[in-house]
All heavy atoms as atom14 arrays in JSON, in Angstrom:
{
  "sequence": "AITHYRTLESFGGDKPVAARVRCTLETGRTHQIRVHMAYLGCPCLGD",
  "atom14_mask": [
    [1, 1, 1, 1, 1, 0, 0, 0, 0, 0, 0, 0, 0, 0],
    [1, 1, 1, 1, 1, 1, 1, 1, 0, 0, 0, 0, 0, 0],
    [1, 1, 1, 1, 1, 1, 1, 0, 0, 0, 0, 0, 0, 0],
    [1, 1, 1, 1, 1, 1, 1, 1, 1, 1, 0, 0, 0, 0],
    [1, 1, 1, 1, 1, 1, 1, 1, 1, 1, 1, 1, 0, 0],
    [1, 1, 1, 1, 1, 1, 1, 1, 1, 1, 1, 0, 0, 0],
    [1, 1, 1, 1, 1, 1, 1, 0, 0, 0, 0, 0, 0, 0],
    [1, 1, 1, 1, 1, 1, 1, 1, 0, 0, 0, 0, 0, 0],
    [1, 1, 1, 1, 1, 1, 1, 1, 1, 0, 0, 0, 0, 0],
    [1, 1, 1, 1, 1, 1, 0, 0, 0, 0, 0, 0, 0, 0],
    [1, 1, 1, 1, 1, 1, 1, 1, 1, 1, 1, 0, 0, 0],
    [1, 1, 1, 1, 0, 0, 0, 0, 0, 0, 0, 0, 0, 0],
    [1, 1, 1, 1, 0, 0, 0, 0, 0, 0, 0, 0, 0, 0],
    [1, 1, 1, 1, 1, 1, 1, 1, 0, 0, 0, 0, 0, 0],
    [1, 1, 1, 1, 1, 1, 1, 1, 1, 0, 0, 0, 0, 0],
    [1, 1, 1, 1, 1, 1, 1, 0, 0, 0, 0, 0, 0, 0],
    [1, 1, 1, 1, 1, 1, 1, 0, 0, 0, 0, 0, 0, 0],
    [1, 1, 1, 1, 1, 0, 0, 0, 0, 0, 0, 0, 0, 0],
    [1, 1, 1, 1, 1, 0, 0, 0, 0, 0, 0, 0, 0, 0],
    [1, 1, 1, 1, 1, 1, 1, 1, 1, 1, 1, 0, 0, 0],
    [1, 1, 1, 1, 1, 1, 1, 0, 0, 0, 0, 0, 0, 0],
    [1, 1, 1, 1, 1, 1, 1, 1, 1, 1, 1, 0, 0, 0],
    [1, 1, 1, 1, 1, 1, 0, 0, 0, 0, 0, 0, 0, 0],
    [1, 1, 1, 1, 1, 1, 1, 0, 0, 0, 0, 0, 0, 0],
    [1, 1, 1, 1, 1, 1, 1, 1, 0, 0, 0, 0, 0, 0],
    [1, 1, 1, 1, 1, 1, 1, 1, 1, 0, 0, 0, 0, 0],
    [1, 1, 1, 1, 1, 1, 1, 0, 0, 0, 0, 0, 0, 0],
    [1, 1, 1, 1, 0, 0, 0, 0, 0, 0, 0, 0, 0, 0],
    [1, 1, 1, 1, 1, 1, 1, 1, 1, 1, 1, 0, 0, 0],
    [1, 1, 1, 1, 1, 1, 1, 0, 0, 0, 0, 0, 0, 0],
    [1, 1, 1, 1, 1, 1, 1, 1, 1, 1, 0, 0, 0, 0],
    [1, 1, 1, 1, 1, 1, 1, 1, 1, 0, 0, 0, 0, 0],
    [1, 1, 1, 1, 1, 1, 1, 1, 0, 0, 0, 0, 0, 0],
    [1, 1, 1, 1, 1, 1, 1, 1, 1, 1, 1, 0, 0, 0],
    [1, 1, 1, 1, 1, 1, 1, 0, 0, 0, 0, 0, 0, 0],
    [1, 1, 1, 1, 1, 1, 1, 1, 1, 1, 0, 0, 0, 0],
    [1, 1, 1, 1, 1, 1, 1, 1, 0, 0, 0, 0, 0, 0],
    [1, 1, 1, 1, 1, 0, 0, 0, 0, 0, 0, 0, 0, 0],
    [1, 1, 1, 1, 1, 1, 1, 1, 1, 1, 1, 1, 0, 0],
    [1, 1, 1, 1, 1, 1, 1, 1, 0, 0, 0, 0, 0, 0],
    [1, 1, 1, 1, 0, 0, 0, 0, 0, 0, 0, 0, 0, 0],
    [1, 1, 1, 1, 1, 1, 0, 0, 0, 0, 0, 0, 0, 0],
    [1, 1, 1, 1, 1, 1, 1, 0, 0, 0, 0, 0, 0, 0],
    [1, 1, 1, 1, 1, 1, 0, 0, 0, 0, 0, 0, 0, 0],
    [1, 1, 1, 1, 1, 1, 1, 1, 0, 0, 0, 0, 0, 0],
    [1, 1, 1, 1, 0, 0, 0, 0, 0, 0, 0, 0, 0, 0],
    [1, 1, 1, 1, 1, 1, 1, 1, 0, 0, 0, 0, 0, 0]
  ],
  "atom14_positions": [
    [[0.85, -1.19, -0.01], [0.0, 0.02, 0.0], [0.9, 1.24, -0.01], [1.79, 1.36, 0.84], [-0.9, 0.01, 1.23], [0.0, 0.0, 0.0], [0.0, 0.0, 0.0], [0.0, 0.0, 0.0], [0.0, 0.0, 0.0], [0.0, 0.0, 0.0], [0.0, 0.0, 0.0], [0.0, 0.0, 0.0], [0.0, 0.0, 0.0], [0.0, 0.0, 0.0]],
    [[0.64, 2.15, -0.94], [1.46, 3.33, -1.09], [0.58, 4.61, -1.09], [-0.32, 4.71, -1.92], [2.32, 3.29, -2.39], [3.14, 2.03, -2.43], [3.19, 4.53, -2.53], [3.85, 1.78, -3.76], [0.0, 0.0, 0.0], [0.0, 0.0, 0.0], [0.0, 0.0, 0.0], [0.0, 0.0, 0.0], [0.0, 0.0, 0.0], [0.0, 0.0, 0.0]],
    [[0.88, 5.5, -0.19], [0.15, 6.79, -0.07], [1.17, 7.91, -0.09], [2.12, 7.91, 0.71], [-0.68, 6.84, 1.22], [-1.59, 5.73, 1.27], [-1.48, 8.16, 1.28], [0.0, 0.0, 0.0], [0.0, 0.0, 0.0], [0.0, 0.0, 0.0], [0.0, 0.0, 0.0], [0.0, 0.0, 0.0], [0.0, 0.0, 0.0], [0.0, 0.0, 0.0]],
    [[0.95, 8.89, -0.96], [1.73, 10.09, -0.96], [0.94, 11.17, -0.18], [-0.27, 11.33, -0.43], [2.07, 10.58, -2.39], [2.7, 9.52, -3.24], [3.98, 9.12, -3.11], [2.16, 8.73, -4.24], [4.25, 8.16, -3.99], [3.14, 7.92, -4.69], [0.0, 0.0, 0.0], [0.0, 0.0, 0.0], [0.0, 0.0, 0.0], [0.0, 0.0, 0.0]],
    [[1.58, 11.94, 0.66], [0.83, 12.92, 1.42], [1.54, 14.28, 1.43], [2.76, 14.34, 1.24], [0.61, 12.45, 2.87], [1.84, 12.45, 3.72], [2.27, 13.57, 4.45], [2.64, 11.29, 3.77], [3.43, 13.57, 5.2], [3.8, 11.28, 4.54], [4.19, 12.4, 5.24], [5.36, 12.41, 6.0], [0.0, 0.0, 0.0], [0.0, 0.0, 0.0]],
    [[0.77, 15.32, 1.64], [1.3, 16.69, 1.76], [0.45, 17.49, 2.74], [-0.75, 17.51, 2.63], [1.31, 17.36, 0.36], [1.79, 18.8, 0.33], [2.11, 19.21, -1.09], [0.93, 19.02, -1.95], [0.02, 19.98, -2.22], [0.12, 21.15, -1.67], [-0.98, 19.71, -3.02], [0.0, 0.0, 0.0], [0.0, 0.0, 0.0], [0.0, 0.0, 0.0]],
    [[1.11, 18.08, 3.71], [0.38, 18.91, 4.71], [0.06, 20.25, 4.08], [0.98, 20.99, 3.7], [1.24, 19.09, 5.96], [1.56, 17.8, 6.5], [0.43, 19.85, 7.0], [0.0, 0.0, 0.0], [0.0, 0.0, 0.0], [0.0, 0.0, 0.0], [0.0, 0.0, 0.0], [0.0, 0.0, 0.0], [0.0, 0.0, 0.0], [0.0, 0.0, 0.0]],
    [[-1.22, 20.55, 3.97], [-1.65, 21.82, 3.39], [-1.7, 22.93, 4.45], [-1.31, 24.1, 4.14], [-3.03, 21.68, 2.77], [-3.19, 20.6, 1.7], [-4.62, 20.57, 1.18], [-2.26, 20.9, 0.53], [0.0, 0.0, 0.0], [0.0, 0.0, 0.0], [0.0, 0.0, 0.0], [0.0, 0.0, 0.0], [0.0, 0.0, 0.0], [0.0, 0.0, 0.0]],
    [[-2.14, 22.61, 5.6], [-2.23, 23.61, 6.7], [-2.04, 22.84, 8.05], [-2.4, 21.68, 8.13], [-3.58, 24.29, 6.74], [-3.95, 25.06, 5.52], [-5.35, 25.65, 5.61], [-5.55, 26.72, 6.24], [-6.28, 24.97, 5.11], [0.0, 0.0, 0.0], [0.0, 0.0, 0.0], [0.0, 0.0, 0.0], [0.0, 0.0, 0.0], [0.0, 0.0, 0.0]],
    [[-1.51, 23.55, 9.03], [-1.49, 22.97, 10.36], [-2.04, 24.01, 11.33], [-1.98, 25.22, 11.07], [-0.08, 22.57, 10.77], [0.8, 23.66, 10.73], [0.0, 0.0, 0.0], [0.0, 0.0, 0.0], [0.0, 0.0, 0.0], [0.0, 0.0, 0.0], [0.0, 0.0, 0.0], [0.0, 0.0, 0.0], [0.0, 0.0, 0.0], [0.0, 0.0, 0.0]],
    [[-2.59, 23.55, 12.45], [-3.3, 24.42, 13.37], [-2.83, 24.21, 14.78], [-2.62, 23.09, 15.21], [-4.82, 24.14, 13.27], [-5.31, 24.02, 11.88], [-5.62, 22.81, 11.32], [-5.45, 25.17, 11.09], [-6.07, 22.69, 10.02], [-5.89, 25.08, 9.75], [-6.23, 23.85, 9.22], [0.0, 0.0, 0.0], [0.0, 0.0, 0.0], [0.0, 0.0, 0.0]],
    [[-2.62, 25.29, 15.5], [-2.25, 25.23, 16.88], [-0.84, 25.68, 17.19], [-0.32, 25.38, 18.28], [0.0, 0.0, 0.0], [0.0, 0.0, 0.0], [0.0, 0.0, 0.0], [0.0, 0.0, 0.0], [0.0, 0.0, 0.0], [0.0, 0.0, 0.0], [0.0, 0.0, 0.0], [0.0, 0.0, 0.0], [0.0, 0.0, 0.0], [0.0, 0.0, 0.0]],
    [[-0.17, 26.32, 16.26], [1.16, 26.86, 16.55], [2.31, 25.93, 16.24], [2.23, 25.08, 15.33], [0.0, 0.0, 0.0], [0.0, 0.0, 0.0], [0.0, 0.0, 0.0], [0.0, 0.0, 0.0], [0.0, 0.0, 0.0], [0.0, 0.0, 0.0], [0.0, 0.0, 0.0], [0.0, 0.0, 0.0], [0.0, 0.0, 0.0], [0.0, 0.0, 0.0]],
    [[3.41, 26.08, 17.0], [4.63, 25.32, 16.71], [4.45, 23.82, 16.91], [5.13, 23.01, 16.31], [5.79, 25.8, 17.58], [6.19, 27.24, 17.22], [5.94, 27.63, 16.07], [6.75, 27.93, 18.09], [0.0, 0.0, 0.0], [0.0, 0.0, 0.0], [0.0, 0.0, 0.0], [0.0, 0.0, 0.0], [0.0, 0.0, 0.0], [0.0, 0.0, 0.0]],
    [[3.56, 23.45, 17.82], [3.22, 22.06, 18.04], [1.77, 21.84, 17.61], [0.85, 21.95, 18.38], [3.42, 21.66, 19.51], [4.86, 21.71, 19.95], [4.99, 21.25, 21.4], [6.48, 21.26, 21.84], [6.62, 20.79, 23.23], [0.0, 0.0, 0.0], [0.0, 0.0, 0.0], [0.0, 0.0, 0.0], [0.0, 0.0, 0.0], [0.0, 0.0, 0.0]],
    [[1.56, 21.57, 16.32], [0.21, 21.5, 15.77], [-0.67, 20.47, 16.49], [-0.2, 19.38, 16.81], [0.44, 21.08, 14.31], [1.8, 21.52, 14.01], [2.58, 21.32, 15.27], [0.0, 0.0, 0.0], [0.0, 0.0, 0.0], [0.0, 0.0, 0.0], [0.0, 0.0, 0.0], [0.0, 0.0, 0.0], [0.0, 0.0, 0.0], [0.0, 0.0, 0.0]],
    [[-1.89, 20.88, 16.72], [-2.87, 19.97, 17.32], [-3.77, 19.33, 16.27], [-4.49, 18.39, 16.59], [-3.7, 20.7, 18.4], [-2.82, 21.16, 19.55], [-4.45, 21.84, 17.8], [0.0, 0.0, 0.0], [0.0, 0.0, 0.0], [0.0, 0.0, 0.0], [0.0, 0.0, 0.0], [0.0, 0.0, 0.0], [0.0, 0.0, 0.0], [0.0, 0.0, 0.0]],
    [[-3.71, 19.86, 15.06], [-4.47, 19.32, 13.96], [-3.9, 19.83, 12.65], [-3.12, 20.79, 12.65], [-5.95, 19.7, 14.04], [0.0, 0.0, 0.0], [0.0, 0.0, 0.0], [0.0, 0.0, 0.0], [0.0, 0.0, 0.0], [0.0, 0.0, 0.0], [0.0, 0.0, 0.0], [0.0, 0.0, 0.0], [0.0, 0.0, 0.0], [0.0, 0.0, 0.0]],
    [[-4.23, 19.14, 11.57], [-3.7, 19.56, 10.27], [-4.68, 19.13, 9.15], [-5.49, 18.27, 9.33], [-2.33, 18.93, 10.04], [0.0, 0.0, 0.0], [0.0, 0.0, 0.0], [0.0, 0.0, 0.0], [0.0, 0.0, 0.0], [0.0, 0.0, 0.0], [0.0, 0.0, 0.0], [0.0, 0.0, 0.0], [0.0, 0.0, 0.0], [0.0, 0.0, 0.0]],
    [[-4.54, 19.84, 8.04], [-5.24, 19.5, 6.8], [-4.23, 18.86, 5.87], [-3.22, 19.46, 5.51], [-5.87, 20.72, 6.18], [-6.63, 20.5, 4.9], [-7.13, 21.82, 4.35], [-7.97, 21.66, 3.17], [-8.49, 22.69, 2.5], [-8.21, 23.95, 2.89], [-9.29, 22.49, 1.43], [0.0, 0.0, 0.0], [0.0, 0.0, 0.0], [0.0, 0.0, 0.0]],
    [[-4.47, 17.6, 5.48], [-3.52, 16.83, 4.68], [-4.17, 16.35, 3.41], [-5.3, 15.89, 3.42], [-2.98, 15.62, 5.5], [-2.0, 14.81, 4.7], [-2.35, 16.07, 6.83], [0.0, 0.0, 0.0], [0.0, 0.0, 0.0], [0.0, 0.0, 0.0], [0.0, 0.0, 0.0], [0.0, 0.0, 0.0], [0.0, 0.0, 0.0], [0.0, 0.0, 0.0]],
    [[-3.42, 16.46, 2.29], [-3.89, 15.94, 1.04], [-3.14, 14.65, 0.76], [-1.9, 14.6, 0.75], [-3.64, 16.94, -0.12], [-4.35, 16.54, -1.43], [-4.23, 17.69, -2.42], [-4.87, 17.36, -3.73], [-6.15, 17.59, -4.01], [-6.93, 18.18, -3.11], [-6.68, 17.34, -5.22], [0.0, 0.0, 0.0], [0.0, 0.0, 0.0], [0.0, 0.0, 0.0]],
    [[-3.89, 13.61, 0.5], [-3.32, 12.27, 0.29], [-3.62, 11.81, -1.13], [-4.78, 11.87, -1.58], [-3.88, 11.26, 1.27], [-3.54, 11.62, 3.01], [0.0, 0.0, 0.0], [0.0, 0.0, 0.0], [0.0, 0.0, 0.0], [0.0, 0.0, 0.0], [0.0, 0.0, 0.0], [0.0, 0.0, 0.0], [0.0, 0.0, 0.0], [0.0, 0.0, 0.0]],
    [[-2.57, 11.35, -1.85], [-2.75, 10.82, -3.17], [-2.48, 9.33, -3.14], [-1.42, 8.9, -2.67], [-1.76, 11.51, -4.17], [-1.97, 12.92, -4.11], [-1.97, 11.03, -5.57], [0.0, 0.0, 0.0], [0.0, 0.0, 0.0], [0.0, 0.0, 0.0], [0.0, 0.0, 0.0], [0.0, 0.0, 0.0], [0.0, 0.0, 0.0], [0.0, 0.0, 0.0]],
    [[-3.4, 8.59, -3.68], [-3.27, 7.1, -3.67], [-2.49, 6.61, -4.88], [-2.78, 7.0, -5.98], [-4.66, 6.49, -3.65], [-5.49, 6.6, -2.4], [-6.85, 5.92, -2.61], [-4.78, 6.05, -1.19], [0.0, 0.0, 0.0], [0.0, 0.0, 0.0], [0.0, 0.0, 0.0], [0.0, 0.0, 0.0], [0.0, 0.0, 0.0], [0.0, 0.0, 0.0]],
    [[-1.54, 5.75, -4.58], [-0.86, 5.01, -5.66], [-1.46, 3.62, -5.73], [-1.5, 3.02, -6.8], [0.64, 4.95, -5.41], [1.42, 4.38, -6.6], [2.91, 4.58, -6.47], [3.32, 5.65, -6.0], [3.66, 3.7, -6.88], [0.0, 0.0, 0.0], [0.0, 0.0, 0.0], [0.0, 0.0, 0.0], [0.0, 0.0, 0.0], [0.0, 0.0, 0.0]],
    [[-1.9, 3.08, -4.61], [-2.66, 1.84, -4.55], [-3.99, 2.12, -3.91], [-4.18, 3.2, -3.35], [-1.91, 0.78, -3.78], [-1.69, 1.24, -2.43], [-0.56, 0.42, -4.45], [0.0, 0.0, 0.0], [0.0, 0.0, 0.0], [0.0, 0.0, 0.0], [0.0, 0.0, 0.0], [0.0, 0.0, 0.0], [0.0, 0.0, 0.0], [0.0, 0.0, 0.0]],
    [[-4.89, 1.15, -3.93], [-6.19, 1.37, -3.32], [-6.61, 0.25, -2.39], [-7.49, -0.5, -2.72], [0.0, 0.0, 0.0], [0.0, 0.0, 0.0], [0.0, 0.0, 0.0], [0.0, 0.0, 0.0], [0.0, 0.0, 0.0], [0.0, 0.0, 0.0], [0.0, 0.0, 0.0], [0.0, 0.0, 0.0], [0.0, 0.0, 0.0], [0.0, 0.0, 0.0]],
    [[-5.96, 0.15, -1.27], [-6.3, -0.92, -0.34], [-7.44, -0.5, 0.58], [-7.67, 0.68, 0.78], [-5.05, -1.32, 0.52], [-3.81, -1.6, -0.31], [-4.02, -2.63, -1.37], [-2.84, -2.86, -2.16], [-2.83, -3.37, -3.37], [-3.94, -3.72, -3.96], [-1.67, -3.57, -4.02], [0.0, 0.0, 0.0], [0.0, 0.0, 0.0], [0.0, 0.0, 0.0]],
    [[-8.04, -1.5, 1.18], [-9.14, -1.25, 2.12], [-8.71, -0.34, 3.23], [-7.73, -0.59, 3.93], [-9.65, -2.56, 2.71], [-10.0, -3.46, 1.64], [-10.8, -2.34, 3.62], [0.0, 0.0, 0.0], [0.0, 0.0, 0.0], [0.0, 0.0, 0.0], [0.0, 0.0, 0.0], [0.0, 0.0, 0.0], [0.0, 0.0, 0.0], [0.0, 0.0, 0.0]],
    [[-9.41, 0.82, 3.42], [-9.17, 1.75, 4.47], [-7.73, 2.36, 4.45], [-7.19, 2.76, 5.46], [-9.4, 1.14, 5.87], [-10.83, 0.77, 6.14], [-11.21, 0.14, 7.25], [-11.91, 0.9, 5.38], [-12.51, -0.12, 7.2], [-12.99, 0.37, 6.06], [0.0, 0.0, 0.0], [0.0, 0.0, 0.0], [0.0, 0.0, 0.0], [0.0, 0.0, 0.0]],
    [[-7.12, 2.39, 3.25], [-5.7, 2.7, 3.16], [-5.32, 4.0, 3.79], [-4.37, 4.08, 4.59], [-5.26, 2.7, 1.69], [-3.8, 3.05, 1.51], [-3.33, 2.87, 0.06], [-3.7, 1.91, -0.6], [-2.52, 3.8, -0.4], [0.0, 0.0, 0.0], [0.0, 0.0, 0.0], [0.0, 0.0, 0.0], [0.0, 0.0, 0.0], [0.0, 0.0, 0.0]],
    [[-6.02, 5.12, 3.46], [-5.61, 6.41, 4.02], [-5.83, 6.43, 5.5], [-4.96, 6.94, 6.26], [-6.39, 7.54, 3.31], [-5.95, 7.64, 1.86], [-6.19, 8.88, 4.06], [-6.7, 8.68, 1.07], [0.0, 0.0, 0.0], [0.0, 0.0, 0.0], [0.0, 0.0, 0.0], [0.0, 0.0, 0.0], [0.0, 0.0, 0.0], [0.0, 0.0, 0.0]],
    [[-6.9, 5.89, 5.97], [-7.19, 5.9, 7.41], [-6.12, 5.1, 8.18], [-5.69, 5.53, 9.24], [-8.59, 5.35, 7.67], [-9.72, 6.19, 7.07], [-11.04, 5.46, 7.03], [-11.54, 5.2, 8.37], [-12.59, 4.41, 8.65], [-13.21, 3.8, 7.62], [-12.98, 4.23, 9.89], [0.0, 0.0, 0.0], [0.0, 0.0, 0.0], [0.0, 0.0, 0.0]],
    [[-5.74, 3.96, 7.63], [-4.69, 3.16, 8.24], [-3.33, 3.88, 8.2], [-2.62, 3.93, 9.21], [-4.62, 1.78, 7.61], [-3.38, 1.0, 8.1], [-5.86, 0.99, 7.83], [0.0, 0.0, 0.0], [0.0, 0.0, 0.0], [0.0, 0.0, 0.0], [0.0, 0.0, 0.0], [0.0, 0.0, 0.0], [0.0, 0.0, 0.0], [0.0, 0.0, 0.0]],
    [[-3.01, 4.47, 7.1], [-1.73, 5.16, 6.95], [-1.61, 6.41, 7.8], [-0.55, 6.68, 8.37], [-1.44, 5.45, 5.5], [-0.79, 4.32, 4.76], [-0.59, 4.28, 3.38], [-0.31, 3.11, 5.24], [0.0, 3.15, 3.07], [0.17, 2.43, 4.14], [0.0, 0.0, 0.0], [0.0, 0.0, 0.0], [0.0, 0.0, 0.0], [0.0, 0.0, 0.0]],
    [[-2.71, 7.16, 7.9], [-2.64, 8.35, 8.73], [-2.45, 7.93, 10.21], [-1.69, 8.54, 10.97], [-3.9, 9.22, 8.57], [-3.99, 9.94, 7.24], [-2.69, 11.19, 7.03], [-1.51, 10.26, 5.99], [0.0, 0.0, 0.0], [0.0, 0.0, 0.0], [0.0, 0.0, 0.0], [0.0, 0.0, 0.0], [0.0, 0.0, 0.0], [0.0, 0.0, 0.0]],
    [[-3.15, 6.87, 10.64], [-2.98, 6.38, 11.99], [-1.56, 5.88, 12.19], [-0.94, 6.02, 13.25], [-3.99, 5.27, 12.31], [0.0, 0.0, 0.0], [0.0, 0.0, 0.0], [0.0, 0.0, 0.0], [0.0, 0.0, 0.0], [0.0, 0.0, 0.0], [0.0, 0.0, 0.0], [0.0, 0.0, 0.0], [0.0, 0.0, 0.0], [0.0, 0.0, 0.0]],
    [[-0.99, 5.22, 11.16], [0.36, 4.7, 11.22], [1.36, 5.84, 11.44], [2.39, 5.68, 12.11], [0.64, 3.96, 9.95], [2.03, 3.36, 9.81], [2.41, 2.24, 10.54], [2.93, 3.93, 8.91], [3.68, 1.7, 10.42], [4.18, 3.4, 8.76], [4.57, 2.26, 9.52], [5.85, 1.74, 9.36], [0.0, 0.0, 0.0], [0.0, 0.0, 0.0]],
    [[1.09, 6.99, 10.87], [1.93, 8.17, 11.03], [1.75, 8.85, 12.38], [2.47, 9.82, 12.69], [1.71, 9.2, 9.89], [2.16, 8.79, 8.49], [1.79, 9.87, 7.5], [3.65, 8.51, 8.46], [0.0, 0.0, 0.0], [0.0, 0.0, 0.0], [0.0, 0.0, 0.0], [0.0, 0.0, 0.0], [0.0, 0.0, 0.0], [0.0, 0.0, 0.0]],
    [[0.77, 8.4, 13.12], [0.48, 9.01, 14.43], [-0.46, 10.16, 14.36], [-0.61, 10.92, 15.32], [0.0, 0.0, 0.0], [0.0, 0.0, 0.0], [0.0, 0.0, 0.0], [0.0, 0.0, 0.0], [0.0, 0.0, 0.0], [0.0, 0.0, 0.0], [0.0, 0.0, 0.0], [0.0, 0.0, 0.0], [0.0, 0.0, 0.0], [0.0, 0.0, 0.0]],
    [[-1.12, 10.34, 13.21], [-2.08, 11.44, 13.08], [-3.37, 10.96, 12.38], [-3.56, 11.25, 11.2], [-1.49, 12.63, 12.34], [-0.56, 12.17, 10.84], [0.0, 0.0, 0.0], [0.0, 0.0, 0.0], [0.0, 0.0, 0.0], [0.0, 0.0, 0.0], [0.0, 0.0, 0.0], [0.0, 0.0, 0.0], [0.0, 0.0, 0.0], [0.0, 0.0, 0.0]],
    [[-4.17, 10.2, 13.08], [-5.37, 9.63, 12.48], [-6.39, 10.69, 12.1], [-6.33, 11.82, 12.64], [-5.95, 8.73, 13.61], [-5.4, 9.33, 14.86], [-4.07, 9.84, 14.5], [0.0, 0.0, 0.0], [0.0, 0.0, 0.0], [0.0, 0.0, 0.0], [0.0, 0.0, 0.0], [0.0, 0.0, 0.0], [0.0, 0.0, 0.0], [0.0, 0.0, 0.0]],
    [[-7.25, 10.35, 11.21], [-8.32, 11.24, 10.82], [-9.17, 11.63, 12.01], [-9.54, 10.77, 12.79], [-9.23, 10.64, 9.75], [-8.41, 10.28, 8.15], [0.0, 0.0, 0.0], [0.0, 0.0, 0.0], [0.0, 0.0, 0.0], [0.0, 0.0, 0.0], [0.0, 0.0, 0.0], [0.0, 0.0, 0.0], [0.0, 0.0, 0.0], [0.0, 0.0, 0.0]],
    [[-9.47, 12.9, 12.16], [-10.32, 13.32, 13.23], [-11.69, 12.66, 13.09], [-12.22, 12.52, 11.98], [-10.51, 14.85, 13.21], [-9.26, 15.68, 13.55], [-9.53, 17.14, 13.39], [-8.77, 15.39, 14.99], [0.0, 0.0, 0.0], [0.0, 0.0, 0.0], [0.0, 0.0, 0.0], [0.0, 0.0, 0.0], [0.0, 0.0, 0.0], [0.0, 0.0, 0.0]],
    [[-12.24, 12.25, 14.23], [-13.59, 11.63, 14.21], [-13.63, 10.19, 13.79], [-14.69, 9.59, 13.75], [0.0, 0.0, 0.0], [0.0, 0.0, 0.0], [0.0, 0.0, 0.0], [0.0, 0.0, 0.0], [0.0, 0.0, 0.0], [0.0, 0.0, 0.0], [0.0, 0.0, 0.0], [0.0, 0.0, 0.0], [0.0, 0.0, 0.0], [0.0, 0.0, 0.0]],
    [[-12.47, 9.58, 13.47], [-12.43, 8.24, 12.95], [-12.8, 7.27, 14.08], [-12.06, 7.14, 15.09], [-11.06, 7.87, 12.41], [-11.09, 6.57, 11.6], [-11.86, 5.68, 11.93], [-10.3, 6.51, 10.61], [0.0, 0.0, 0.0], [0.0, 0.0, 0.0], [0.0, 0.0, 0.0], [0.0, 0.0, 0.0], [0.0, 0.0, 0.0], [0.0, 0.0, 0.0]]
  ]
}
């Protein structure tokens, strides 16, 4: 599973508490973006 990501905006100062991220899929696995964002330590809000 391959996901390319780019942070568009971050919120909360030097230590962001949230961010807006654009993810581009190279593969399409089940729940791929949700799993990968959690793997990075920043899961989708409300997930």
